[in-house]
Each structure stands twice: as structure tokens, then as C-alpha cells.
Amino acid sequence: MPEVDSLDQLNEQIKTWEADDEDRRISGHLHTIRHDFTAEQPLLRLLPTEVFEPGLVLNPRVDRSSMISVRMVKYSVPAHLIGRRVRVSLRATEVIVFEGRAVVAVHSRCVTRGTSRVVLDHYLEVLRFKPGALPGSTALVQARAAGVFTAAHEAFWAASRKVNGDVDGTRELVDVLLLHRSLTHEQVIAGITAALTVGAVSADVVAVEARRHTHDTTSVGGAISDRHHVARGDAREQRVVSLTQRRLTDPAAVIAGPPTDTRPVPSVAAYDELLPRRGATTPRVDDVKASTS
């Protein structure tokens, strides 16, 4: 019997054995298995267009804790599904939850009764309005154990609470965690690192730096020592400016102050053109009184 650590590893070994077996010649046959299959393949029927469902289909109801019970094991789902029934495919190694045809949650199957699998991302909308529930939540404990909530998140959370307070600081962390839905893990971590480098504990700054990291992978975490406009060929790159670093690297900046703003002064002169038109189309109060008297 093969000794493997997972079903995926066994499947990979089977693929290797099948590839090696194609060069074998069955007793009494002139050609190899590969040669015979190549001749028979055009005669085979097409595969069915419907996707085969290998799992047991269940329809549990989501409880008020945004959990479903499958074989006496609790699994979390997105909070907006509370009170609704969802379709579950219970498979050998995983549990897949569907909302209609869309997959909303995937868990590795747990065979120990009475346990639970909780994903922090499923509760972010709730924690956005109840940030005080995050520190002692089971979702945070499991996220730390799984390595999803990293040291970079911890550092941002600590810095944000120090600057913004516990409530608003935790909300900024939740906004950062929401970025994982549209960006990769590496991009978000790079954005956090860049934001902490310049002392900006803001989810907006993390988002900007994380997206910029997609186009700039030459610097660590998207952060460089000089964060002013950097000319690279014909392209100009804009980054978050650290005034502290500017003072340290450029002593003249202490005297000169912030960089000169060369943008034109805003003007509302264009809106003044609307005033004569409004006076021409709208009757005055005196004219209305004269016509009614």
C-alpha cells in the first residue's frame, strides 16, 4: 500500500504510475498501451457537459452566528447568509458551500464531532460595526493559528490603535483585511509594510501601496527610502511622502518647508455664468406681485 500524507499526494503518484504504464506492452499485444490508446481515442464518446457532483448534497440553515451544522461539525459562512438555507457539497476532504451557483465558502472537512471551522473573512462586515468583538473572537484565534493573520497585521493593528484609539483603530484593521478580497496576500502585506514605514496607519494608504506593489516589485514591500516623485525613464512614479524622512535626508527641507505646490489656485468663476441665466428665467418677486394685483 502506498504511504502518503494526503489524497492529493496519492493522486499525483497515480498520475506518475499511469504515465509510466503507457510504455508497457500487454502480453499477446504487438504495440504498447500508448500506441493502442492513440488509435482508439478518436472512437471514444465525448465527456458529458454536466459537471459530476462527487459530494453529498445537503441544505442546512445558517444560524445567527453565521454557522452551518454538517455532520455535527460547525462551519462558518459569510454573515449576509444568516437565516437562509444554503447548498452544501460534503466531499471526502472538503466542504463546499454554495449560494445559488456561486461558491461562498470552502472548508477542509473535519471528522471530529463538536468542533468548528471559522474563517475571519466571513465576519468582517459585522466586525466593521462591532470592532470590540474582534480581540476575543474565535475567528481571530483560528486565523492566527492558520497563519492568515500575520505579524504584519498585528503591527498595523497595534500602531492603528495607538494613533486612532481602540475602536477606530480596529476599524482600520478590518478595512485592511477587506483588501484581501480583491488583492493577493503578498500585495496587502507589502502595502502594510510600506504604510508602516512612513508612519501612515490608514487603510487607504495600505490600499494605494498594495496596488502599486503590483507594478513595482523591485523594492521591498513597495517602500523605498526616497518616497518623492521618482523618475524612471519616461514614467513618473508617485508615492506617499514621508516628511520625517525628507527632513532627515534633506537638511535644507527643514528651512524650506514642504515642497512648493505648483498647481493653479481653484476658481469658481465658471459657476458665475449661471447666475445671469438664472435671473433671466426666474421671475422676480416684485413682478409676481404686480401681475396678481
C-alpha atoms as a PDB file:
ATOM      1  CA  MET A   1       0.000   0.000   0.000  1.00  0.00           C
ATOM      2  CA  PRO A   2       1.365   3.461  -0.807  1.00  0.00           C
ATOM      3  CA  GLU A   3       2.142   5.672   2.159  1.00  0.00           C
ATOM      4  CA  VAL A   4       1.078   9.287   1.556  1.00  0.00           C
ATOM      5  CA  ASP A   5       0.237  12.341   3.669  1.00  0.00           C
ATOM      6  CA  SER A   6      -2.846  13.408   1.709  1.00  0.00           C
ATOM      7  CA  LEU A   7      -5.221  12.359  -1.029  1.00  0.00           C
ATOM      8  CA  ASP A   8      -3.718  14.950  -3.395  1.00  0.00           C
ATOM      9  CA  GLN A   9      -0.293  13.379  -2.967  1.00  0.00           C
ATOM     10  CA  LEU A  10      -1.761   9.945  -3.769  1.00  0.00           C
ATOM     11  CA  ASN A  11      -3.407  11.317  -6.924  1.00  0.00           C
ATOM     12  CA  GLU A  12      -0.073  12.740  -8.072  1.00  0.00           C
ATOM     13  CA  GLN A  13       1.576   9.349  -7.574  1.00  0.00           C
ATOM     14  CA  ILE A  14      -1.198   7.650  -9.553  1.00  0.00           C
ATOM     15  CA  LYS A  15      -0.617  10.084 -12.433  1.00  0.00           C
ATOM     16  CA  THR A  16       3.067   9.147 -12.425  1.00  0.00           C
ATOM     17  CA  TRP A  17       2.263   5.433 -12.428  1.00  0.00           C
ATOM     18  CA  GLU A  18      -0.193   5.864 -15.289  1.00  0.00           C
ATOM     19  CA  ALA A  19       2.388   7.752 -17.365  1.00  0.00           C
ATOM     20  CA  ASP A  20       4.944   5.008 -16.802  1.00  0.00           C
ATOM     21  CA  ASP A  21       2.389   2.306 -17.633  1.00  0.00           C
ATOM     22  CA  GLU A  22       1.747   3.758 -21.089  1.00  0.00           C
ATOM     23  CA  ASP A  23       5.064   2.321 -22.289  1.00  0.00           C
ATOM     24  CA  ARG A  24       4.145  -1.205 -21.123  1.00  0.00           C
ATOM     25  CA  ARG A  25       3.164  -3.866 -23.675  1.00  0.00           C
ATOM     26  CA  ILE A  26       0.424  -6.261 -22.643  1.00  0.00           C
ATOM     27  CA  SER A  27       1.171  -9.935 -23.207  1.00  0.00           C
ATOM     28  CA  GLY A  28      -0.076 -11.003 -26.640  1.00  0.00           C
ATOM     29  CA  HIS A  29      -0.256  -7.440 -27.990  1.00  0.00           C
ATOM     30  CA  LEU A  30       2.063  -6.151 -30.681  1.00  0.00           C
ATOM     31  CA  HIS A  31       2.092  -2.493 -29.598  1.00  0.00           C
ATOM     32  CA  THR A  32       2.325  -0.597 -26.318  1.00  0.00           C
ATOM     33  CA  ILE A  33      -0.616   0.730 -24.341  1.00  0.00           C
ATOM     34  CA  ARG A  34       0.163   4.265 -25.524  1.00  0.00           C
ATOM     35  CA  HIS A  35       0.055   3.191 -29.188  1.00  0.00           C
ATOM     36  CA  ASP A  36      -3.226   1.294 -28.832  1.00  0.00           C
ATOM     37  CA  PHE A  37      -4.911   4.105 -26.917  1.00  0.00           C
ATOM     38  CA  THR A  38      -3.887   6.650 -29.565  1.00  0.00           C
ATOM     39  CA  ALA A  39      -5.671   4.549 -32.170  1.00  0.00           C
ATOM     40  CA  GLU A  40      -8.820   4.084 -30.042  1.00  0.00           C
ATOM     41  CA  GLN A  41      -9.100   7.630 -28.695  1.00  0.00           C
ATOM     42  CA  PRO A  42     -10.906   9.116 -31.768  1.00  0.00           C
ATOM     43  CA  LEU A  43     -13.605   6.422 -31.371  1.00  0.00           C
ATOM     44  CA  LEU A  44     -14.434   7.345 -27.767  1.00  0.00           C
ATOM     45  CA  ARG A  45     -17.519   9.354 -26.840  1.00  0.00           C
ATOM     46  CA  LEU A  46     -17.183  12.946 -25.648  1.00  0.00           C
ATOM     47  CA  LEU A  47     -17.197  13.680 -21.948  1.00  0.00           C
ATOM     48  CA  PRO A  48     -20.537  14.852 -20.517  1.00  0.00           C
ATOM     49  CA  THR A  49     -21.043  18.611 -20.407  1.00  0.00           C
ATOM     50  CA  GLU A  50     -22.621  18.468 -16.932  1.00  0.00           C
ATOM     51  CA  VAL A  51     -20.187  18.634 -14.049  1.00  0.00           C
ATOM     52  CA  PHE A  52     -20.280  15.496 -11.939  1.00  0.00           C
ATOM     53  CA  GLU A  53     -21.049  16.199  -8.296  1.00  0.00           C
ATOM     54  CA  PRO A  54     -18.955  13.820  -6.169  1.00  0.00           C
ATOM     55  CA  GLY A  55     -20.268  15.054  -2.821  1.00  0.00           C
ATOM     56  CA  LEU A  56     -23.368  14.530  -0.733  1.00  0.00           C
ATOM     57  CA  VAL A  57     -25.715  17.487  -1.240  1.00  0.00           C
ATOM     58  CA  LEU A  58     -27.203  18.990   1.942  1.00  0.00           C
ATOM     59  CA  ASN A  59     -29.282  22.125   2.628  1.00  0.00           C
ATOM     60  CA  PRO A  60     -28.620  23.375   6.165  1.00  0.00           C
ATOM     61  CA  ARG A  61     -29.831  26.697   7.545  1.00  0.00           C
ATOM     62  CA  VAL A  62     -27.354  29.372   8.629  1.00  0.00           C
ATOM     63  CA  ASP A  63     -27.750  30.184  12.333  1.00  0.00           C
ATOM     64  CA  ARG A  64     -27.417  33.583  13.977  1.00  0.00           C
ATOM     65  CA  SER A  65     -23.678  33.023  14.463  1.00  0.00           C
ATOM     66  CA  SER A  66     -23.255  32.655  10.690  1.00  0.00           C
ATOM     67  CA  MET A  67     -22.524  28.929  11.078  1.00  0.00           C
ATOM     68  CA  ILE A  68     -23.941  25.805   9.490  1.00  0.00           C
ATOM     69  CA  SER A  69     -24.009  22.348  11.052  1.00  0.00           C
ATOM     70  CA  VAL A  70     -22.792  19.490   8.850  1.00  0.00           C
ATOM     71  CA  ARG A  71     -22.444  16.045  10.425  1.00  0.00           C
ATOM     72  CA  MET A  72     -22.294  17.622  13.908  1.00  0.00           C
ATOM     73  CA  VAL A  73     -19.458  19.947  12.883  1.00  0.00           C
ATOM     74  CA  LYS A  74     -19.857  23.739  12.629  1.00  0.00           C
ATOM     75  CA  TYR A  75     -18.588  25.640   9.580  1.00  0.00           C
ATOM     76  CA  SER A  76     -18.715  29.414   9.068  1.00  0.00           C
ATOM     77  CA  VAL A  77     -20.255  31.132   6.048  1.00  0.00           C
ATOM     78  CA  PRO A  78     -20.498  34.843   5.074  1.00  0.00           C
ATOM     79  CA  ALA A  79     -22.580  36.809   7.548  1.00  0.00           C
ATOM     80  CA  HIS A  80     -25.088  38.056   4.959  1.00  0.00           C
ATOM     81  CA  LEU A  81     -26.457  34.499   4.731  1.00  0.00           C
ATOM     82  CA  ILE A  82     -27.732  34.415   8.320  1.00  0.00           C
ATOM     83  CA  GLY A  83     -31.199  32.882   8.479  1.00  0.00           C
ATOM     84  CA  ARG A  84     -31.073  31.463   4.950  1.00  0.00           C
ATOM     85  CA  ARG A  85     -30.621  27.940   3.644  1.00  0.00           C
ATOM     86  CA  VAL A  86     -27.527  27.172   1.612  1.00  0.00           C
ATOM     87  CA  ARG A  87     -26.487  24.252  -0.557  1.00  0.00           C
ATOM     88  CA  VAL A  88     -23.556  22.214   0.754  1.00  0.00           C
ATOM     89  CA  SER A  89     -21.464  19.644  -1.088  1.00  0.00           C
ATOM     90  CA  LEU A  90     -19.993  17.302   1.530  1.00  0.00           C
ATOM     91  CA  ARG A  91     -16.960  15.644  -0.031  1.00  0.00           C
ATOM     92  CA  ALA A  92     -14.245  13.324   1.201  1.00  0.00           C
ATOM     93  CA  THR A  93     -11.779  16.034   2.202  1.00  0.00           C
ATOM     94  CA  GLU A  94     -13.646  19.336   1.928  1.00  0.00           C
ATOM     95  CA  VAL A  95     -16.957  21.082   2.482  1.00  0.00           C
ATOM     96  CA  ILE A  96     -18.098  23.481  -0.246  1.00  0.00           C
ATOM     97  CA  VAL A  97     -20.916  25.950   0.413  1.00  0.00           C
ATOM     98  CA  PHE A  98     -22.932  27.459  -2.453  1.00  0.00           C
ATOM     99  CA  GLU A  99     -25.208  30.480  -2.659  1.00  0.00           C
ATOM    100  CA  GLY A 100     -27.104  29.634  -5.803  1.00  0.00           C
ATOM    101  CA  ARG A 101     -24.319  28.621  -8.180  1.00  0.00           C
ATOM    102  CA  ALA A 102     -21.635  30.777  -6.557  1.00  0.00           C
ATOM    103  CA  VAL A 103     -19.167  29.247  -4.123  1.00  0.00           C
ATOM    104  CA  VAL A 104     -19.167  31.315  -0.925  1.00  0.00           C
ATOM    105  CA  ALA A 105     -17.095  29.131   1.417  1.00  0.00           C
ATOM    106  CA  VAL A 106     -14.667  26.224   1.208  1.00  0.00           C
ATOM    107  CA  HIS A 107     -13.530  24.365   4.320  1.00  0.00           C
ATOM    108  CA  SER A 108     -11.327  21.354   4.846  1.00  0.00           C
ATOM    109  CA  ARG A 109     -13.583  18.644   6.227  1.00  0.00           C
ATOM    110  CA  CYS A 110     -13.323  17.975   9.952  1.00  0.00           C
ATOM    111  CA  VAL A 111     -14.240  14.484  11.192  1.00  0.00           C
ATOM    112  CA  THR A 112     -14.154  15.277  14.911  1.00  0.00           C
ATOM    113  CA  ARG A 113     -17.657  15.919  16.189  1.00  0.00           C
ATOM    114  CA  GLY A 114     -18.346  19.057  18.182  1.00  0.00           C
ATOM    115  CA  THR A 115     -15.534  21.076  16.569  1.00  0.00           C
ATOM    116  CA  SER A 116     -15.806  24.132  14.334  1.00  0.00           C
ATOM    117  CA  ARG A 117     -14.086  25.754  11.373  1.00  0.00           C
ATOM    118  CA  VAL A 118     -14.270  29.549  11.378  1.00  0.00           C
ATOM    119  CA  VAL A 119     -12.932  31.945   8.721  1.00  0.00           C
ATOM    120  CA  LEU A 120     -12.263  35.520   9.818  1.00  0.00           C
ATOM    121  CA  ASP A 121     -13.212  36.936   6.408  1.00  0.00           C
ATOM    122  CA  HIS A 122     -16.821  35.784   6.874  1.00  0.00           C
ATOM    123  CA  TYR A 123     -17.331  38.194   9.794  1.00  0.00           C
ATOM    124  CA  LEU A 124     -15.584  41.358   8.585  1.00  0.00           C
ATOM    125  CA  GLU A 125     -18.814  43.241   7.791  1.00  0.00           C
ATOM    126  CA  VAL A 126     -20.092  42.516  11.301  1.00  0.00           C
ATOM    127  CA  LEU A 127     -16.788  43.437  12.937  1.00  0.00           C
ATOM    128  CA  ARG A 128     -16.807  46.712  10.997  1.00  0.00           C
ATOM    129  CA  PHE A 129     -19.764  47.794  13.161  1.00  0.00           C
ATOM    130  CA  LYS A 130     -18.746  45.840  16.291  1.00  0.00           C
ATOM    131  CA  PRO A 131     -14.964  46.227  16.444  1.00  0.00           C
ATOM    132  CA  GLY A 132     -14.894  45.362  20.141  1.00  0.00           C
ATOM    133  CA  ALA A 133     -15.774  41.748  19.325  1.00  0.00           C
ATOM    134  CA  LEU A 134     -12.578  41.130  17.347  1.00  0.00           C
ATOM    135  CA  PRO A 135      -9.906  40.717  20.094  1.00  0.00           C
ATOM    136  CA  GLY A 136     -11.581  37.752  21.787  1.00  0.00           C
ATOM    137  CA  SER A 137     -13.214  36.140  18.768  1.00  0.00           C
ATOM    138  CA  THR A 138     -12.726  32.517  17.767  1.00  0.00           C
ATOM    139  CA  ALA A 139     -12.256  33.644  14.173  1.00  0.00           C
ATOM    140  CA  LEU A 140      -9.178  35.652  15.134  1.00  0.00           C
ATOM    141  CA  VAL A 141      -7.728  32.754  17.123  1.00  0.00           C
ATOM    142  CA  GLN A 142      -8.078  30.363  14.192  1.00  0.00           C
ATOM    143  CA  ALA A 143      -6.755  32.975  11.747  1.00  0.00           C
ATOM    144  CA  ARG A 144      -3.623  33.349  13.842  1.00  0.00           C
ATOM    145  CA  ALA A 145      -3.192  29.596  14.096  1.00  0.00           C
ATOM    146  CA  ALA A 146      -3.578  29.204  10.331  1.00  0.00           C
ATOM    147  CA  GLY A 147      -1.035  31.966   9.629  1.00  0.00           C
ATOM    148  CA  VAL A 148      -3.594  34.134   7.821  1.00  0.00           C
ATOM    149  CA  PHE A 149      -3.381  36.867  10.452  1.00  0.00           C
ATOM    150  CA  THR A 150       0.343  37.597  10.275  1.00  0.00           C
ATOM    151  CA  ALA A 151       2.810  39.664  12.275  1.00  0.00           C
ATOM    152  CA  ALA A 152       2.335  42.496   9.769  1.00  0.00           C
ATOM    153  CA  HIS A 153      -1.373  42.625  10.620  1.00  0.00           C
ATOM    154  CA  GLU A 154      -0.531  42.608  14.312  1.00  0.00           C
ATOM    155  CA  ALA A 155       1.917  45.500  13.870  1.00  0.00           C
ATOM    156  CA  PHE A 156      -0.606  47.545  11.888  1.00  0.00           C
ATOM    157  CA  TRP A 157      -3.328  46.866  14.466  1.00  0.00           C
ATOM    158  CA  ALA A 158      -1.101  47.948  17.343  1.00  0.00           C
ATOM    159  CA  ALA A 159       0.002  51.118  15.555  1.00  0.00           C
ATOM    160  CA  SER A 160      -3.545  51.941  14.473  1.00  0.00           C
ATOM    161  CA  ARG A 161      -4.965  51.566  17.992  1.00  0.00           C
ATOM    162  CA  LYS A 162      -2.182  53.745  19.346  1.00  0.00           C
ATOM    163  CA  VAL A 163      -2.980  56.538  16.886  1.00  0.00           C
ATOM    164  CA  ASN A 164      -6.737  56.194  16.350  1.00  0.00           C
ATOM    165  CA  GLY A 165      -7.891  54.529  19.551  1.00  0.00           C
ATOM    166  CA  ASP A 166      -9.201  51.005  20.080  1.00  0.00           C
ATOM    167  CA  VAL A 167     -12.491  51.389  18.202  1.00  0.00           C
ATOM    168  CA  ASP A 168     -11.381  53.381  15.154  1.00  0.00           C
ATOM    169  CA  GLY A 169      -8.025  51.609  15.083  1.00  0.00           C
ATOM    170  CA  THR A 170      -9.721  48.224  14.860  1.00  0.00           C
ATOM    171  CA  ARG A 171     -11.997  49.510  12.091  1.00  0.00           C
ATOM    172  CA  GLU A 172      -8.931  50.499  10.096  1.00  0.00           C
ATOM    173  CA  LEU A 173      -7.615  46.954  10.539  1.00  0.00           C
ATOM    174  CA  VAL A 174     -10.925  45.495   9.333  1.00  0.00           C
ATOM    175  CA  ASP A 175     -10.733  47.709   6.233  1.00  0.00           C
ATOM    176  CA  VAL A 176      -7.237  46.357   5.606  1.00  0.00           C
ATOM    177  CA  LEU A 177      -8.483  42.777   5.968  1.00  0.00           C
ATOM    178  CA  LEU A 178     -11.203  43.503   3.415  1.00  0.00           C
ATOM    179  CA  LEU A 179      -8.472  44.274   0.879  1.00  0.00           C
ATOM    180  CA  HIS A 180      -7.623  40.561   0.786  1.00  0.00           C
ATOM    181  CA  ARG A 181     -10.816  40.006  -1.222  1.00  0.00           C
ATOM    182  CA  SER A 182      -9.536  41.983  -4.195  1.00  0.00           C
ATOM    183  CA  LEU A 183      -5.750  41.761  -3.757  1.00  0.00           C
ATOM    184  CA  THR A 184      -3.323  38.942  -3.111  1.00  0.00           C
ATOM    185  CA  HIS A 185      -1.896  38.239   0.320  1.00  0.00           C
ATOM    186  CA  GLU A 186       1.575  39.379  -0.751  1.00  0.00           C
ATOM    187  CA  GLN A 187       0.253  42.680  -2.087  1.00  0.00           C
ATOM    188  CA  VAL A 188      -1.617  43.503   1.119  1.00  0.00           C
ATOM    189  CA  ILE A 189       1.399  42.643   3.276  1.00  0.00           C
ATOM    190  CA  ALA A 190       3.556  44.853   1.040  1.00  0.00           C
ATOM    191  CA  GLY A 191       1.046  47.676   1.438  1.00  0.00           C
ATOM    192  CA  ILE A 192       1.042  47.308   5.233  1.00  0.00           C
ATOM    193  CA  THR A 193       4.830  47.344   5.331  1.00  0.00           C
ATOM    194  CA  ALA A 194       5.003  50.462   3.155  1.00  0.00           C
ATOM    195  CA  ALA A 195       2.357  52.267   5.219  1.00  0.00           C
ATOM    196  CA  LEU A 196       4.102  51.475   8.496  1.00  0.00           C
ATOM    197  CA  THR A 197       7.413  52.630   7.023  1.00  0.00           C
ATOM    198  CA  VAL A 198       6.065  56.157   6.561  1.00  0.00           C
ATOM    199  CA  GLY A 199       4.001  56.085   9.756  1.00  0.00           C
ATOM    200  CA  ALA A 200       0.634  56.176   7.955  1.00  0.00           C
ATOM    201  CA  VAL A 201      -1.752  53.823   9.786  1.00  0.00           C
ATOM    202  CA  SER A 202      -4.584  54.186   7.299  1.00  0.00           C
ATOM    203  CA  ALA A 203      -6.357  51.536   5.250  1.00  0.00           C
ATOM    204  CA  ASP A 204      -6.452  53.925   2.279  1.00  0.00           C
ATOM    205  CA  VAL A 205      -2.666  54.230   2.283  1.00  0.00           C
ATOM    206  CA  VAL A 206      -2.331  50.449   2.537  1.00  0.00           C
ATOM    207  CA  ALA A 207      -4.645  50.040  -0.455  1.00  0.00           C
ATOM    208  CA  VAL A 208      -2.674  52.520  -2.575  1.00  0.00           C
ATOM    209  CA  GLU A 209       0.672  50.956  -1.714  1.00  0.00           C
ATOM    210  CA  ALA A 210      -0.656  47.418  -2.186  1.00  0.00           C
ATOM    211  CA  ARG A 211      -1.913  48.162  -5.695  1.00  0.00           C
ATOM    212  CA  ARG A 212       1.320  49.962  -6.533  1.00  0.00           C
ATOM    213  CA  HIS A 213       3.279  46.901  -5.432  1.00  0.00           C
ATOM    214  CA  THR A 214       1.725  45.038  -8.362  1.00  0.00           C
ATOM    215  CA  HIS A 215       3.651  47.256 -10.794  1.00  0.00           C
ATOM    216  CA  ASP A 216       6.781  47.672  -8.677  1.00  0.00           C
ATOM    217  CA  THR A 217       8.326  44.508  -7.279  1.00  0.00           C
ATOM    218  CA  THR A 218      11.908  45.747  -7.274  1.00  0.00           C
ATOM    219  CA  SER A 219      11.635  47.365  -3.836  1.00  0.00           C
ATOM    220  CA  VAL A 220      10.827  45.548  -0.625  1.00  0.00           C
ATOM    221  CA  GLY A 221       7.137  45.910   0.182  1.00  0.00           C
ATOM    222  CA  GLY A 222       6.787  48.735  -2.341  1.00  0.00           C
ATOM    223  CA  ALA A 223       8.670  51.052   0.007  1.00  0.00           C
ATOM    224  CA  ILE A 224      11.908  52.859  -0.772  1.00  0.00           C
ATOM    225  CA  SER A 225      13.959  55.362   1.184  1.00  0.00           C
ATOM    226  CA  ASP A 226      13.159  58.310  -1.115  1.00  0.00           C
ATOM    227  CA  ARG A 227       9.373  58.471  -1.416  1.00  0.00           C
ATOM    228  CA  HIS A 228       9.148  61.637  -3.552  1.00  0.00           C
ATOM    229  CA  HIS A 229       8.382  61.593  -7.271  1.00  0.00           C
ATOM    230  CA  VAL A 230      10.916  59.231  -8.787  1.00  0.00           C
ATOM    231  CA  ALA A 231      11.825  59.461 -12.460  1.00  0.00           C
ATOM    232  CA  ARG A 232      12.362  56.088 -14.109  1.00  0.00           C
ATOM    233  CA  GLY A 233      12.833  56.576 -17.811  1.00  0.00           C
ATOM    234  CA  ASP A 234       9.810  58.336 -19.253  1.00  0.00           C
ATOM    235  CA  ALA A 235       7.477  57.300 -16.392  1.00  0.00           C
ATOM    236  CA  ARG A 236       6.866  59.272 -13.218  1.00  0.00           C
ATOM    237  CA  GLU A 237       6.009  57.365 -10.076  1.00  0.00           C
ATOM    238  CA  GLN A 238       4.095  58.965  -7.208  1.00  0.00           C
ATOM    239  CA  ARG A 239       4.412  57.610  -3.704  1.00  0.00           C
ATOM    240  CA  VAL A 240       3.407  58.563  -0.199  1.00  0.00           C
ATOM    241  CA  VAL A 241       5.722  61.321   1.038  1.00  0.00           C
ATOM    242  CA  SER A 242       7.263  60.940   4.472  1.00  0.00           C
ATOM    243  CA  LEU A 243       8.043  64.416   5.817  1.00  0.00           C
ATOM    244  CA  THR A 244      10.141  62.882   8.592  1.00  0.00           C
ATOM    245  CA  GLN A 245      12.376  61.081   6.113  1.00  0.00           C
ATOM    246  CA  ARG A 246      12.544  64.217   3.986  1.00  0.00           C
ATOM    247  CA  ARG A 247      13.845  66.253   6.911  1.00  0.00           C
ATOM    248  CA  LEU A 248      16.437  63.609   7.769  1.00  0.00           C
ATOM    249  CA  THR A 249      17.707  63.121   4.215  1.00  0.00           C
ATOM    250  CA  ASP A 250      17.487  66.765   3.167  1.00  0.00           C
ATOM    251  CA  PRO A 251      18.575  69.265   5.894  1.00  0.00           C
ATOM    252  CA  ALA A 252      17.544  72.155   3.662  1.00  0.00           C
ATOM    253  CA  ALA A 253      13.969  70.937   3.809  1.00  0.00           C
ATOM    254  CA  VAL A 254      13.779  71.983   7.470  1.00  0.00           C
ATOM    255  CA  ILE A 255      14.246  75.603   6.397  1.00  0.00           C
ATOM    256  CA  ALA A 256      12.461  75.415   3.077  1.00  0.00           C
ATOM    257  CA  GLY A 257       9.392  73.658   4.486  1.00  0.00           C
ATOM    258  CA  PRO A 258       7.077  71.417   2.459  1.00  0.00           C
ATOM    259  CA  PRO A 259       7.519  71.147  -1.318  1.00  0.00           C
ATOM    260  CA  THR A 260       6.126  74.059  -3.337  1.00  0.00           C
ATOM    261  CA  ASP A 261       2.628  73.499  -4.684  1.00  0.00           C
ATOM    262  CA  THR A 262       2.680  74.477  -8.366  1.00  0.00           C
ATOM    263  CA  ARG A 263      -0.945  73.621  -9.061  1.00  0.00           C
ATOM    264  CA  PRO A 264      -3.247  76.509 -10.138  1.00  0.00           C
ATOM    265  CA  VAL A 265      -5.451  78.112  -7.484  1.00  0.00           C
ATOM    266  CA  PRO A 266      -9.011  76.704  -7.572  1.00  0.00           C
ATOM    267  CA  SER A 267     -11.615  79.051  -9.041  1.00  0.00           C
ATOM    268  CA  VAL A 268     -15.417  79.111  -9.134  1.00  0.00           C
ATOM    269  CA  ALA A 269     -15.608  81.731 -11.869  1.00  0.00           C
ATOM    270  CA  ALA A 270     -17.212  79.262 -14.257  1.00  0.00           C
ATOM    271  CA  TYR A 271     -20.212  78.957 -11.950  1.00  0.00           C
ATOM    272  CA  ASP A 272     -20.805  82.732 -12.072  1.00  0.00           C
ATOM    273  CA  GLU A 273     -22.009  82.318 -15.636  1.00  0.00           C
ATOM    274  CA  LEU A 274     -25.077  80.518 -14.316  1.00  0.00           C
ATOM    275  CA  LEU A 275     -26.248  83.493 -12.273  1.00  0.00           C
ATOM    276  CA  PRO A 276     -27.411  85.732 -15.224  1.00  0.00           C
ATOM    277  CA  ARG A 277     -29.206  82.764 -16.809  1.00  0.00           C
ATOM    278  CA  ARG A 278     -31.000  82.016 -13.605  1.00  0.00           C
ATOM    279  CA  GLY A 279     -32.102  85.663 -13.285  1.00  0.00           C
ATOM    280  CA  ALA A 280     -33.401  85.677 -16.852  1.00  0.00           C
ATOM    281  CA  THR A 281     -35.529  82.564 -16.499  1.00  0.00           C
ATOM    282  CA  THR A 282     -36.761  83.006 -12.916  1.00  0.00           C
ATOM    283  CA  PRO A 283     -39.338  85.835 -12.362  1.00  0.00           C
ATOM    284  CA  ARG A 284     -38.656  88.233  -9.556  1.00  0.00           C
ATOM    285  CA  VAL A 285     -40.951  88.507  -6.550  1.00  0.00           C
ATOM    286  CA  ASP A 286     -41.941  92.139  -7.455  1.00  0.00           C
ATOM    287  CA  ASP A 287     -43.030  91.046 -10.934  1.00  0.00           C
ATOM    288  CA  VAL A 288     -45.189  88.282  -9.486  1.00  0.00           C
ATOM    289  CA  LYS A 289     -46.919  90.709  -7.068  1.00  0.00           C
ATOM    290  CA  ALA A 290     -47.564  93.218  -9.877  1.00  0.00           C
ATOM    291  CA  SER A 291     -49.166  90.637 -12.116  1.00  0.00           C
ATOM    292  CA  THR A 292     -51.502  89.354  -9.400  1.00  0.00           C
ATOM    293  CA  SER A 293     -52.623  92.767  -8.099  1.00  0.00           C
END
